[in-house]
Amino acid sequence: MRKVILWTIAAAFLLGVFETAILSHIQLLSALPDLILILVVYIALYNGTVVGITAGFFSGLIFDFLSMAPMGLHSFTFTVLGFLYGMVYGKYNVRRFFFPLVLGLSATFLKAGIILILHVLFGQSIQIYNLFAVSFWIEVAENALCAPLLFMLFGLFPNAFEIKEL
C-alpha cells in the first residue's frame, strides 16, 4: 500500500504542476480539467477505500498547496471521493472507454456537490461552482474526456498504481 501511495503522491504533484503551470496558460481553455480528481478516482477504484481515502487526502493536500483554495478544501473533497469510489472496488470492469468517461463525469458532479455543502457549512470563503455557467460544463466535458485517457495511462503502470493481491 505504501508504494501505491508514494506513486500517487508523485503523480499528483506532477499532474498538479502540469495543470497549474502548463494548462492554465492555454488561452483556449476557459476551465481546466481536474486531473488529480481523476487520479484519485482511479486509485480508489483499483485499490479500495483505505487506499482511496489516503490517496485522496494527500493528493488534495498537494493540490491545496498548488492552488489558491482554502487549505484542506481539496483534501477533504478528494478524501470523500476516494471513499465513495473505493466502495466500487472490484465490482465492475472499468478498463473500457465508456466507464471511465462516466466516472469522470460523475466525479465532477460529486465534487461540485461536496463543495456546495462545504460552502453552506463554512460560508463565503469557499467558492462554489455555478451549475449554469459555461465554464462548469466545459470542465465536466474535459474531465469526462480526460478520464479514459488517464485511466489508460495509469493502466500502463500497474505495479505503481495498483496493489496486487496474492
C-alpha atoms as a PDB file:
ATOM      1  CA  MET A   1       0.000   0.000   0.000  1.00  0.00           C
ATOM      2  CA  ARG A   2       2.813   2.367   0.821  1.00  0.00           C
ATOM      3  CA  LYS A   3       4.287   2.073  -2.678  1.00  0.00           C
ATOM      4  CA  VAL A   4       0.936   2.942  -4.290  1.00  0.00           C
ATOM      5  CA  ILE A   5       0.506   5.957  -2.016  1.00  0.00           C
ATOM      6  CA  LEU A   6       4.016   7.237  -2.774  1.00  0.00           C
ATOM      7  CA  TRP A   7       3.490   6.838  -6.526  1.00  0.00           C
ATOM      8  CA  THR A   8       0.111   8.555  -6.208  1.00  0.00           C
ATOM      9  CA  ILE A   9       1.640  11.487  -4.351  1.00  0.00           C
ATOM     10  CA  ALA A  10       4.350  11.824  -7.012  1.00  0.00           C
ATOM     11  CA  ALA A  11       1.777  11.601  -9.817  1.00  0.00           C
ATOM     12  CA  ALA A  12      -0.497  14.111  -8.065  1.00  0.00           C
ATOM     13  CA  PHE A  13       2.382  16.558  -7.762  1.00  0.00           C
ATOM     14  CA  LEU A  14       3.313  16.158 -11.433  1.00  0.00           C
ATOM     15  CA  LEU A  15      -0.308  16.440 -12.578  1.00  0.00           C
ATOM     16  CA  GLY A  16      -0.843  19.477 -10.341  1.00  0.00           C
ATOM     17  CA  VAL A  17       2.231  21.220 -11.703  1.00  0.00           C
ATOM     18  CA  PHE A  18       1.206  20.315 -15.259  1.00  0.00           C
ATOM     19  CA  GLU A  19      -2.283  21.671 -14.625  1.00  0.00           C
ATOM     20  CA  THR A  20      -1.211  24.919 -12.965  1.00  0.00           C
ATOM     21  CA  ALA A  21       1.940  25.661 -14.965  1.00  0.00           C
ATOM     22  CA  ILE A  22       1.040  24.497 -18.462  1.00  0.00           C
ATOM     23  CA  LEU A  23      -2.707  24.007 -18.899  1.00  0.00           C
ATOM     24  CA  SER A  24      -3.570  27.267 -17.139  1.00  0.00           C
ATOM     25  CA  HIS A  25      -1.674  29.219 -19.821  1.00  0.00           C
ATOM     26  CA  ILE A  26      -3.566  27.767 -22.775  1.00  0.00           C
ATOM     27  CA  GLN A  27      -5.909  30.514 -23.903  1.00  0.00           C
ATOM     28  CA  LEU A  28      -8.452  28.158 -25.487  1.00  0.00           C
ATOM     29  CA  LEU A  29      -9.382  26.590 -22.153  1.00  0.00           C
ATOM     30  CA  SER A  30     -11.839  28.650 -20.126  1.00  0.00           C
ATOM     31  CA  ALA A  31     -11.811  25.888 -17.495  1.00  0.00           C
ATOM     32  CA  LEU A  32      -9.197  23.316 -16.588  1.00  0.00           C
ATOM     33  CA  PRO A  33      -9.712  19.572 -16.271  1.00  0.00           C
ATOM     34  CA  ASP A  34      -9.193  18.282 -12.751  1.00  0.00           C
ATOM     35  CA  LEU A  35      -6.520  15.683 -13.425  1.00  0.00           C
ATOM     36  CA  ILE A  36      -5.862  14.981  -9.753  1.00  0.00           C
ATOM     37  CA  LEU A  37      -9.547  14.195  -9.266  1.00  0.00           C
ATOM     38  CA  ILE A  38      -9.317  11.565 -11.990  1.00  0.00           C
ATOM     39  CA  LEU A  39      -6.153  10.160 -10.375  1.00  0.00           C
ATOM     40  CA  VAL A  40      -7.931   9.777  -7.026  1.00  0.00           C
ATOM     41  CA  VAL A  41     -10.897   8.074  -8.701  1.00  0.00           C
ATOM     42  CA  TYR A  42      -8.540   5.645 -10.468  1.00  0.00           C
ATOM     43  CA  ILE A  43      -6.601   4.817  -7.307  1.00  0.00           C
ATOM     44  CA  ALA A  44      -9.785   4.283  -5.292  1.00  0.00           C
ATOM     45  CA  LEU A  45     -11.371   2.087  -7.973  1.00  0.00           C
ATOM     46  CA  TYR A  46      -8.389  -0.205  -8.276  1.00  0.00           C
ATOM     47  CA  ASN A  47      -7.327  -0.370  -4.624  1.00  0.00           C
ATOM     48  CA  GLY A  48     -10.377   0.119  -2.386  1.00  0.00           C
ATOM     49  CA  THR A  49     -11.481   2.597   0.238  1.00  0.00           C
ATOM     50  CA  VAL A  50      -8.439   2.655   2.529  1.00  0.00           C
ATOM     51  CA  VAL A  51      -6.019   3.471  -0.270  1.00  0.00           C
ATOM     52  CA  GLY A  52      -8.608   5.774  -1.891  1.00  0.00           C
ATOM     53  CA  ILE A  53      -9.017   7.793   1.293  1.00  0.00           C
ATOM     54  CA  THR A  54      -5.268   8.041   1.883  1.00  0.00           C
ATOM     55  CA  ALA A  55      -4.519   8.927  -1.728  1.00  0.00           C
ATOM     56  CA  GLY A  56      -7.363  11.445  -1.763  1.00  0.00           C
ATOM     57  CA  PHE A  57      -6.129  13.159   1.383  1.00  0.00           C
ATOM     58  CA  PHE A  58      -2.514  13.534   0.287  1.00  0.00           C
ATOM     59  CA  SER A  59      -3.363  14.373  -3.320  1.00  0.00           C
ATOM     60  CA  GLY A  60      -5.809  17.006  -2.126  1.00  0.00           C
ATOM     61  CA  LEU A  61      -3.210  18.427   0.233  1.00  0.00           C
ATOM     62  CA  ILE A  62      -0.784  18.773  -2.669  1.00  0.00           C
ATOM     63  CA  PHE A  63      -3.464  20.438  -4.781  1.00  0.00           C
ATOM     64  CA  ASP A  64      -4.286  22.816  -1.907  1.00  0.00           C
ATOM     65  CA  PHE A  65      -0.651  23.905  -1.821  1.00  0.00           C
ATOM     66  CA  LEU A  66      -0.580  24.441  -5.585  1.00  0.00           C
ATOM     67  CA  SER A  67      -3.877  26.309  -5.826  1.00  0.00           C
ATOM     68  CA  MET A  68      -5.411  29.345  -4.175  1.00  0.00           C
ATOM     69  CA  ALA A  69      -8.158  27.315  -2.489  1.00  0.00           C
ATOM     70  CA  PRO A  70      -8.564  27.331   1.296  1.00  0.00           C
ATOM     71  CA  MET A  71      -6.236  24.811   2.926  1.00  0.00           C
ATOM     72  CA  GLY A  72      -7.970  21.473   3.336  1.00  0.00           C
ATOM     73  CA  LEU A  73     -10.766  22.046   0.813  1.00  0.00           C
ATOM     74  CA  HIS A  74      -9.475  19.692  -1.861  1.00  0.00           C
ATOM     75  CA  SER A  75      -8.010  17.389   0.739  1.00  0.00           C
ATOM     76  CA  PHE A  76     -11.446  16.848   2.273  1.00  0.00           C
ATOM     77  CA  THR A  77     -13.198  16.667  -1.083  1.00  0.00           C
ATOM     78  CA  PHE A  78     -10.774  14.117  -2.545  1.00  0.00           C
ATOM     79  CA  THR A  79     -10.866  12.085   0.673  1.00  0.00           C
ATOM     80  CA  VAL A  80     -14.649  11.775   0.454  1.00  0.00           C
ATOM     81  CA  LEU A  81     -14.441  10.920  -3.245  1.00  0.00           C
ATOM     82  CA  GLY A  82     -11.703   8.367  -2.542  1.00  0.00           C
ATOM     83  CA  PHE A  83     -14.010   6.700  -0.054  1.00  0.00           C
ATOM     84  CA  LEU A  84     -17.061   6.748  -2.340  1.00  0.00           C
ATOM     85  CA  TYR A  85     -15.269   5.418  -5.403  1.00  0.00           C
ATOM     86  CA  GLY A  86     -13.311   2.931  -3.293  1.00  0.00           C
ATOM     87  CA  MET A  87     -16.603   1.289  -2.389  1.00  0.00           C
ATOM     88  CA  VAL A  88     -16.922   0.255  -6.058  1.00  0.00           C
ATOM     89  CA  TYR A  89     -13.583  -1.596  -5.873  1.00  0.00           C
ATOM     90  CA  GLY A  90     -13.727  -4.986  -7.559  1.00  0.00           C
ATOM     91  CA  LYS A  91     -17.360  -4.747  -8.616  1.00  0.00           C
ATOM     92  CA  TYR A  92     -17.053  -3.607 -12.239  1.00  0.00           C
ATOM     93  CA  ASN A  93     -14.688  -3.937 -15.171  1.00  0.00           C
ATOM     94  CA  VAL A  94     -13.549  -0.352 -15.677  1.00  0.00           C
ATOM     95  CA  ARG A  95     -10.857  -0.993 -18.277  1.00  0.00           C
ATOM     96  CA  ARG A  96     -13.032   0.179 -21.169  1.00  0.00           C
ATOM     97  CA  PHE A  97     -13.624   3.674 -22.558  1.00  0.00           C
ATOM     98  CA  PHE A  98     -17.228   4.297 -21.532  1.00  0.00           C
ATOM     99  CA  PHE A  99     -16.984   3.522 -17.813  1.00  0.00           C
ATOM    100  CA  PRO A 100     -14.051   5.906 -17.125  1.00  0.00           C
ATOM    101  CA  LEU A 101     -15.940   8.589 -19.071  1.00  0.00           C
ATOM    102  CA  VAL A 102     -18.978   8.154 -16.811  1.00  0.00           C
ATOM    103  CA  LEU A 103     -16.742   8.116 -13.727  1.00  0.00           C
ATOM    104  CA  GLY A 104     -15.061  11.381 -14.750  1.00  0.00           C
ATOM    105  CA  LEU A 105     -18.471  12.919 -15.324  1.00  0.00           C
ATOM    106  CA  SER A 106     -19.930  11.721 -12.028  1.00  0.00           C
ATOM    107  CA  ALA A 107     -16.828  12.658 -10.015  1.00  0.00           C
ATOM    108  CA  THR A 108     -17.078  16.247 -11.241  1.00  0.00           C
ATOM    109  CA  PHE A 109     -20.717  16.496 -10.173  1.00  0.00           C
ATOM    110  CA  LEU A 110     -19.965  14.891  -6.804  1.00  0.00           C
ATOM    111  CA  LYS A 111     -17.065  17.302  -6.288  1.00  0.00           C
ATOM    112  CA  ALA A 112     -19.372  20.243  -7.050  1.00  0.00           C
ATOM    113  CA  GLY A 113     -21.940  18.868  -4.586  1.00  0.00           C
ATOM    114  CA  ILE A 114     -19.384  18.383  -1.810  1.00  0.00           C
ATOM    115  CA  ILE A 115     -18.051  21.902  -2.321  1.00  0.00           C
ATOM    116  CA  LEU A 116     -21.620  23.261  -2.212  1.00  0.00           C
ATOM    117  CA  ILE A 117     -22.213  21.500   1.117  1.00  0.00           C
ATOM    118  CA  LEU A 118     -18.940  22.917   2.478  1.00  0.00           C
ATOM    119  CA  HIS A 119     -19.962  26.378   1.253  1.00  0.00           C
ATOM    120  CA  VAL A 120     -23.237  26.108   3.172  1.00  0.00           C
ATOM    121  CA  LEU A 121     -21.411  24.967   6.309  1.00  0.00           C
ATOM    122  CA  PHE A 122     -18.424  27.329   6.219  1.00  0.00           C
ATOM    123  CA  GLY A 123     -19.592  30.384   4.305  1.00  0.00           C
ATOM    124  CA  GLN A 124     -18.275  32.679   1.658  1.00  0.00           C
ATOM    125  CA  SER A 125     -14.617  31.695   1.792  1.00  0.00           C
ATOM    126  CA  ILE A 126     -15.399  28.615  -0.302  1.00  0.00           C
ATOM    127  CA  GLN A 127     -16.191  29.361  -3.931  1.00  0.00           C
ATOM    128  CA  ILE A 128     -18.877  27.152  -5.414  1.00  0.00           C
ATOM    129  CA  TYR A 129     -19.483  26.044  -8.970  1.00  0.00           C
ATOM    130  CA  ASN A 130     -22.190  27.829 -10.915  1.00  0.00           C
ATOM    131  CA  LEU A 131     -24.064  24.940 -12.494  1.00  0.00           C
ATOM    132  CA  PHE A 132     -25.431  27.254 -15.189  1.00  0.00           C
ATOM    133  CA  ALA A 133     -22.042  28.654 -16.229  1.00  0.00           C
ATOM    134  CA  VAL A 134     -20.425  27.516 -19.440  1.00  0.00           C
ATOM    135  CA  SER A 135     -17.077  27.066 -17.679  1.00  0.00           C
ATOM    136  CA  PHE A 136     -18.560  24.416 -15.360  1.00  0.00           C
ATOM    137  CA  TRP A 137     -19.884  22.400 -18.290  1.00  0.00           C
ATOM    138  CA  ILE A 138     -16.561  22.745 -20.081  1.00  0.00           C
ATOM    139  CA  GLU A 139     -14.821  21.327 -17.002  1.00  0.00           C
ATOM    140  CA  VAL A 140     -17.351  18.480 -16.866  1.00  0.00           C
ATOM    141  CA  ALA A 141     -16.677  17.659 -20.521  1.00  0.00           C
ATOM    142  CA  GLU A 142     -12.895  17.932 -20.078  1.00  0.00           C
ATOM    143  CA  ASN A 143     -12.930  15.628 -17.048  1.00  0.00           C
ATOM    144  CA  ALA A 144     -15.149  13.143 -18.860  1.00  0.00           C
ATOM    145  CA  LEU A 145     -12.867  13.120 -21.912  1.00  0.00           C
ATOM    146  CA  CYS A 146      -9.603  13.080 -19.941  1.00  0.00           C
ATOM    147  CA  ALA A 147     -10.683  10.222 -17.667  1.00  0.00           C
ATOM    148  CA  PRO A 148     -10.388   7.416 -20.267  1.00  0.00           C
ATOM    149  CA  LEU A 149      -7.009   8.767 -21.401  1.00  0.00           C
ATOM    150  CA  LEU A 150      -5.652   8.988 -17.868  1.00  0.00           C
ATOM    151  CA  PHE A 151      -7.086   5.580 -16.976  1.00  0.00           C
ATOM    152  CA  MET A 152      -5.196   4.122 -19.949  1.00  0.00           C
ATOM    153  CA  LEU A 153      -2.025   5.987 -18.921  1.00  0.00           C
ATOM    154  CA  PHE A 154      -2.199   4.815 -15.304  1.00  0.00           C
ATOM    155  CA  GLY A 155      -3.045   1.316 -16.535  1.00  0.00           C
ATOM    156  CA  LEU A 156       0.351   1.191 -18.222  1.00  0.00           C
ATOM    157  CA  PHE A 157       1.937   1.210 -14.758  1.00  0.00           C
ATOM    158  CA  PRO A 158       0.004  -1.382 -12.730  1.00  0.00           C
ATOM    159  CA  ASN A 159       2.957  -2.016 -10.419  1.00  0.00           C
ATOM    160  CA  ALA A 160       2.923   1.633  -9.365  1.00  0.00           C
ATOM    161  CA  PHE A 161      -0.800   2.363  -9.095  1.00  0.00           C
ATOM    162  CA  GLU A 162      -2.420  -0.949  -8.181  1.00  0.00           C
ATOM    163  CA  ILE A 163      -1.955  -3.219  -5.206  1.00  0.00           C
ATOM    164  CA  LYS A 164      -1.536  -6.760  -6.412  1.00  0.00           C
ATOM    165  CA  GLU A 165      -3.455  -9.343  -4.419  1.00  0.00           C
ATOM    166  CA  LEU A 166      -1.668 -12.578  -3.644  1.00  0.00           C
END
